[in-house]
Each structure stands twice: as C-alpha cells, then as structure tokens.
Amino acid sequence: QVELVESGGGLVQAGDSLRLSCAASGGIFRLYALGWFRQVPGKEREFVAGISSSGGSTGYADSVKGRFTISRDNAKNTVYLQMNRLKPEDTAVYYCAQTSNIYLSWTARERQYAYWGQGTQVTVSS
C-alpha cells in the first residue's frame, strides 16, 4: 500500500517562500506521476501542479504559474512544491497525490490519482 506524507507547511507572510515535501513509501515511486492539490474549507479541492514519472513534464494551474515549481527526486521517493511570492489566496491545505497507472502522466483531474497524503496547512498572512 502506498503512503504519502506531506511536510513543510506553515504560517508565512505575503511574498515569502515555502517548500513542501511529500515522501512516498510502499510502491515503485519512479513509475508514477504525481500531483499537488489544495483545498480551502467550503470549496472543492483544486489542482496546483503535476509532474510526470521521469520529471520531464510538468504542468501548473494558471493561478500559480511562474510562482510555484514542482520537482521530484526519485532516489529519495520525494516530490516537492517550491512556492515563491506567496499570496493570501494561496492559503489552503495542500495535498500530494500519486497515480496508480504507469501509463498515465500528470493530470489536473483529481479522480485520476489513486493515493493521497493527509495534507499540510499553508497559511499566508497579508
């Protein structure tokens, strides 16, 4: 069974940076695409960024493009989300997710991800 554990969240001020990490265990990490999503209470979970199994393909939501960078280290079974120039509207619980189909690259479609972490809170004050 795959387990994903996020870390790195916290309280920061607008304009600051944070790096989230998501460590995976229980599977062959390098074979699967990964994504980061976020959710605000009362709203649906939304796609933030995705990365292919090799790391050669990435994609971002328009709201974070140019500020966030997703990367992965397959030797460490870890995916990262570098968040720069944070804004109050980035406040949310951030989740990492992994697909279970080796032929599927990253996608913004939540239901294509089979495994999810427990989430880490990011709060950006103005």
Protein backbone atom coordinates (compact mmCIF):
# COMPACT_ATOMS: atom_id res chain seq x y z
CA GLN A 1 0.00 0.00 0.00
CA VAL A 2 1.33 3.41 -0.98
CA GLU A 3 1.64 6.00 1.76
CA LEU A 4 2.25 9.69 1.11
CA VAL A 5 3.29 12.08 3.87
CA GLU A 6 3.43 15.83 3.29
CA SER A 7 5.51 18.27 5.31
CA GLY A 8 6.76 21.83 5.14
CA GLY A 9 3.58 23.79 5.62
CA GLY A 10 3.31 26.72 7.97
CA LEU A 11 2.40 30.35 8.53
CA VAL A 12 4.21 32.89 6.38
CA GLN A 13 3.73 36.45 5.21
CA ALA A 14 2.74 37.51 1.73
CA GLY A 15 5.76 37.50 -0.54
CA ASP A 16 7.55 34.76 1.39
CA SER A 17 8.50 31.32 0.14
CA LEU A 18 7.86 27.78 1.34
CA ARG A 19 8.88 24.37 0.10
CA LEU A 20 6.53 21.48 0.61
CA SER A 21 7.77 17.92 0.55
CA CYS A 22 5.88 14.69 0.08
CA ALA A 23 7.62 11.43 0.92
CA ALA A 24 6.27 8.22 -0.54
CA SER A 25 6.61 4.65 0.63
CA GLY A 26 5.19 1.28 -0.27
CA GLY A 27 5.41 1.45 -4.05
CA ILE A 28 7.75 1.92 -7.00
CA PHE A 29 7.77 5.69 -6.83
CA ARG A 30 9.69 6.35 -10.04
CA LEU A 31 7.00 4.74 -12.20
CA TYR A 32 4.13 7.08 -11.37
CA ALA A 33 3.08 10.64 -12.00
CA LEU A 34 2.35 12.89 -9.06
CA GLY A 35 0.33 15.97 -8.38
CA TRP A 36 -0.20 18.67 -5.79
CA PHE A 37 -3.71 19.87 -4.99
CA ARG A 38 -5.08 22.31 -2.46
CA GLN A 39 -8.35 22.87 -0.68
CA VAL A 40 -9.95 25.71 1.23
CA PRO A 41 -12.78 24.88 3.66
CA GLY A 42 -16.09 25.00 1.87
CA LYS A 43 -14.55 24.76 -1.59
CA GLU A 44 -13.64 21.91 -3.88
CA ARG A 45 -10.09 20.63 -4.00
CA GLU A 46 -8.20 22.20 -6.90
CA PHE A 47 -5.21 21.18 -8.97
CA VAL A 48 -1.99 23.08 -8.33
CA ALA A 49 0.79 21.26 -10.18
CA GLY A 50 1.67 17.90 -11.70
CA ILE A 51 4.81 16.06 -12.74
CA SER A 52 5.43 13.01 -14.87
CA SER A 53 7.21 9.91 -13.62
CA SER A 54 10.56 10.99 -15.04
CA GLY A 55 10.10 14.63 -14.11
CA GLY A 56 10.40 15.65 -17.73
CA SER A 57 6.87 17.00 -17.99
CA THR A 58 5.22 19.39 -15.56
CA GLY A 59 2.06 21.43 -15.51
CA TYR A 60 0.57 24.17 -13.35
CA ALA A 61 -2.67 25.88 -12.59
CA ASP A 62 -2.81 29.37 -14.05
CA SER A 63 -3.07 30.84 -10.56
CA VAL A 64 0.39 29.56 -9.57
CA LYS A 65 2.24 29.52 -12.89
CA GLY A 66 5.51 31.41 -12.62
CA ARG A 67 5.49 31.29 -8.81
CA PHE A 68 5.39 27.57 -7.95
CA THR A 69 7.71 24.82 -9.13
CA ILE A 70 7.10 21.11 -8.81
CA SER A 71 10.03 18.69 -8.82
CA ARG A 72 10.82 15.18 -7.76
CA ASP A 73 13.77 13.15 -6.56
CA ASN A 74 13.16 9.54 -7.49
CA ALA A 75 16.18 8.40 -5.48
CA LYS A 76 14.55 9.82 -2.36
CA ASN A 77 10.95 8.91 -3.26
CA THR A 78 10.01 12.52 -2.70
CA VAL A 79 8.13 15.19 -4.62
CA TYR A 80 8.48 18.88 -3.83
CA LEU A 81 6.49 22.03 -4.35
CA GLN A 82 8.55 25.20 -4.20
CA MET A 83 6.21 28.12 -3.59
CA ASN A 84 7.53 31.64 -4.12
CA ARG A 85 5.88 35.05 -3.87
CA LEU A 86 3.08 33.59 -1.80
CA LYS A 87 -0.24 35.38 -1.67
CA PRO A 88 -3.03 35.25 0.92
CA GLU A 89 -5.18 33.44 -1.64
CA ASP A 90 -2.67 30.57 -1.59
CA THR A 91 -3.85 29.75 1.93
CA ALA A 92 -5.14 26.18 1.90
CA VAL A 93 -4.44 22.62 2.89
CA TYR A 94 -2.05 21.19 0.33
CA TYR A 95 -2.19 17.53 -0.67
CA CYS A 96 0.13 15.41 -2.76
CA ALA A 97 -1.27 12.59 -4.81
CA GLN A 98 0.03 9.71 -6.90
CA THR A 99 -1.48 7.90 -9.85
CA SER A 100 -1.67 4.09 -9.96
CA ASN A 101 -1.37 3.74 -13.73
CA ILE A 102 2.18 3.74 -15.07
CA TYR A 103 0.90 4.87 -18.48
CA LEU A 104 -0.77 7.97 -17.10
CA SER A 105 1.18 11.21 -16.98
CA TRP A 106 0.27 14.09 -14.71
CA THR A 107 -3.26 15.35 -14.96
CA ALA A 108 -5.37 18.04 -13.37
CA ARG A 109 -8.18 15.53 -12.90
CA GLU A 110 -8.41 14.63 -9.24
CA ARG A 111 -10.05 11.26 -9.83
CA GLN A 112 -7.05 10.01 -11.81
CA TYR A 113 -5.00 9.95 -8.63
CA ALA A 114 -5.31 6.81 -6.51
CA TYR A 115 -3.28 7.72 -3.44
CA TRP A 116 -3.39 10.85 -1.29
CA GLY A 117 -1.49 12.27 1.62
CA GLN A 118 -3.09 13.69 4.74
CA GLY A 119 -2.37 17.28 3.78
CA THR A 120 -0.30 20.13 5.19
CA GLN A 121 -1.65 23.56 6.07
CA VAL A 122 -0.23 26.63 4.38
CA THR A 123 -1.36 29.99 5.72
CA VAL A 124 -0.26 33.23 4.10
CA SER A 125 -0.96 36.43 6.02
CA SER A 126 -1.30 39.79 4.33
